[in-house]
Amino acid sequence: MMFDIAKMMSQAKKVQDQMVKIQDELASSQMEGQSADGKVTIACNGKFEGWNVQIDASLNDAATIQTDVQQALEQLTERIMSKTQDKMSALTQGLNIPGLKLPF
């Protein structure tokens, strides 16, 4: 089997272009996470930029606020990571580069 460097470089360029497109899509997508009781909502884009935090005025206990913020952040992070992984999996599907495991 011959190794075709030109073909590999062409494929790498396509992947790079698609990665830029995915990063742009993530930057323009708004995602949010919410606490279990719905009293805290945290939103940002898919690159963890442009934060917006909303806390229900009825929350007045520091421990509850802390728990709710943590829940909302965990949900938001999971959603962003899942979306990123889905997009990266679609990008790397079909690539057969020995020793390279994508997405990271």
Protein backbone atom coordinates (compact mmCIF):
# COMPACT_ATOMS: atom_id res chain seq x y z
CA MET A 1 0.00 0.00 0.00
CA MET A 2 1.43 3.36 -1.04
CA PHE A 3 1.26 6.31 1.30
CA ASP A 4 -0.21 9.34 -0.48
CA ILE A 5 0.92 12.46 1.40
CA ALA A 6 -0.96 14.80 -0.94
CA LYS A 7 -4.22 12.99 -0.26
CA MET A 8 -3.57 13.04 3.47
CA MET A 9 -2.79 16.78 3.42
CA SER A 10 -5.95 17.45 1.44
CA GLN A 11 -7.97 15.47 3.96
CA ALA A 12 -6.31 17.34 6.85
CA LYS A 13 -7.19 20.70 5.24
CA LYS A 14 -10.83 19.65 4.90
CA VAL A 15 -10.92 18.58 8.56
CA GLN A 16 -9.35 21.87 9.60
CA ASP A 17 -11.95 23.85 7.62
CA GLN A 18 -14.75 21.80 9.17
CA MET A 19 -13.30 22.36 12.66
CA VAL A 20 -13.41 26.13 12.11
CA LYS A 21 -17.03 25.80 11.00
CA ILE A 22 -17.90 23.76 14.12
CA GLN A 23 -16.21 26.32 16.37
CA ASP A 24 -18.19 29.10 14.70
CA GLU A 25 -21.44 27.15 15.14
CA LEU A 26 -20.69 26.55 18.82
CA ALA A 27 -19.84 30.23 19.32
CA SER A 28 -23.17 31.26 17.80
CA SER A 29 -25.32 28.70 19.64
CA GLN A 30 -26.94 29.71 22.91
CA MET A 31 -27.21 26.97 25.51
CA GLU A 32 -28.65 26.98 29.00
CA GLY A 33 -28.73 24.92 32.15
CA GLN A 34 -31.28 25.05 34.89
CA SER A 35 -31.42 23.97 38.52
CA ALA A 36 -33.72 21.09 39.45
CA ASP A 37 -36.25 23.50 40.97
CA GLY A 38 -36.02 25.86 37.98
CA LYS A 39 -35.07 28.85 40.10
CA VAL A 40 -31.59 29.31 38.62
CA THR A 41 -30.88 29.49 34.90
CA ILE A 42 -27.41 29.95 33.44
CA ALA A 43 -26.81 30.52 29.75
CA CYS A 44 -23.81 31.03 27.52
CA ASN A 45 -22.66 30.10 24.05
CA GLY A 46 -21.12 26.77 23.12
CA LYS A 47 -17.64 28.12 23.81
CA PHE A 48 -18.52 29.08 27.40
CA GLU A 49 -18.64 32.80 26.55
CA GLY A 50 -21.30 35.48 27.07
CA TRP A 51 -22.66 34.38 30.44
CA ASN A 52 -26.17 35.21 31.61
CA VAL A 53 -27.26 34.16 35.11
CA GLN A 54 -30.83 34.45 36.36
CA ILE A 55 -31.66 33.72 40.00
CA ASP A 56 -35.26 33.74 41.20
CA ALA A 57 -35.79 36.53 43.75
CA SER A 58 -37.51 34.10 46.13
CA LEU A 59 -34.20 32.36 46.83
CA ASN A 60 -32.76 33.77 50.02
CA ASP A 61 -30.81 30.87 51.48
CA ALA A 62 -27.13 30.78 50.55
CA ALA A 63 -26.93 26.98 50.62
CA THR A 64 -29.91 26.65 48.28
CA ILE A 65 -28.50 29.26 45.90
CA GLN A 66 -25.16 27.45 45.89
CA THR A 67 -26.82 24.09 45.15
CA ASP A 68 -29.02 25.56 42.43
CA VAL A 69 -26.11 27.35 40.74
CA GLN A 70 -24.07 24.14 40.82
CA GLN A 71 -26.94 22.13 39.29
CA ALA A 72 -27.45 24.69 36.54
CA LEU A 73 -23.73 24.81 35.74
CA GLU A 74 -23.50 21.01 35.63
CA GLN A 75 -26.45 20.78 33.25
CA LEU A 76 -25.10 23.56 31.06
CA THR A 77 -21.64 21.99 30.91
CA GLU A 78 -23.10 18.58 30.04
CA ARG A 79 -25.17 20.07 27.24
CA ILE A 80 -22.24 21.95 25.74
CA MET A 81 -19.90 18.96 26.00
CA SER A 82 -22.50 16.65 24.47
CA LYS A 83 -23.16 19.00 21.56
CA THR A 84 -19.42 19.45 20.99
CA GLN A 85 -18.82 15.71 21.09
CA ASP A 86 -21.68 15.06 18.65
CA LYS A 87 -20.29 17.58 16.19
CA MET A 88 -16.74 16.26 16.54
CA SER A 89 -17.89 12.65 16.13
CA ALA A 90 -19.65 13.57 12.90
CA LEU A 91 -16.50 15.34 11.71
CA THR A 92 -14.12 12.50 12.49
CA GLN A 93 -16.41 9.74 11.27
CA GLY A 94 -14.72 8.00 8.40
CA LEU A 95 -11.24 9.21 9.25
CA ASN A 96 -8.92 6.29 9.62
CA ILE A 97 -5.70 7.62 11.07
CA PRO A 98 -3.83 4.90 12.98
CA GLY A 99 -3.17 5.81 16.60
CA LEU A 100 -5.41 8.89 16.54
CA LYS A 101 -8.48 8.68 18.74
CA LEU A 102 -10.99 11.44 18.05
CA PRO A 103 -12.81 13.21 19.52
CA PHE A 104 -10.33 13.83 22.28
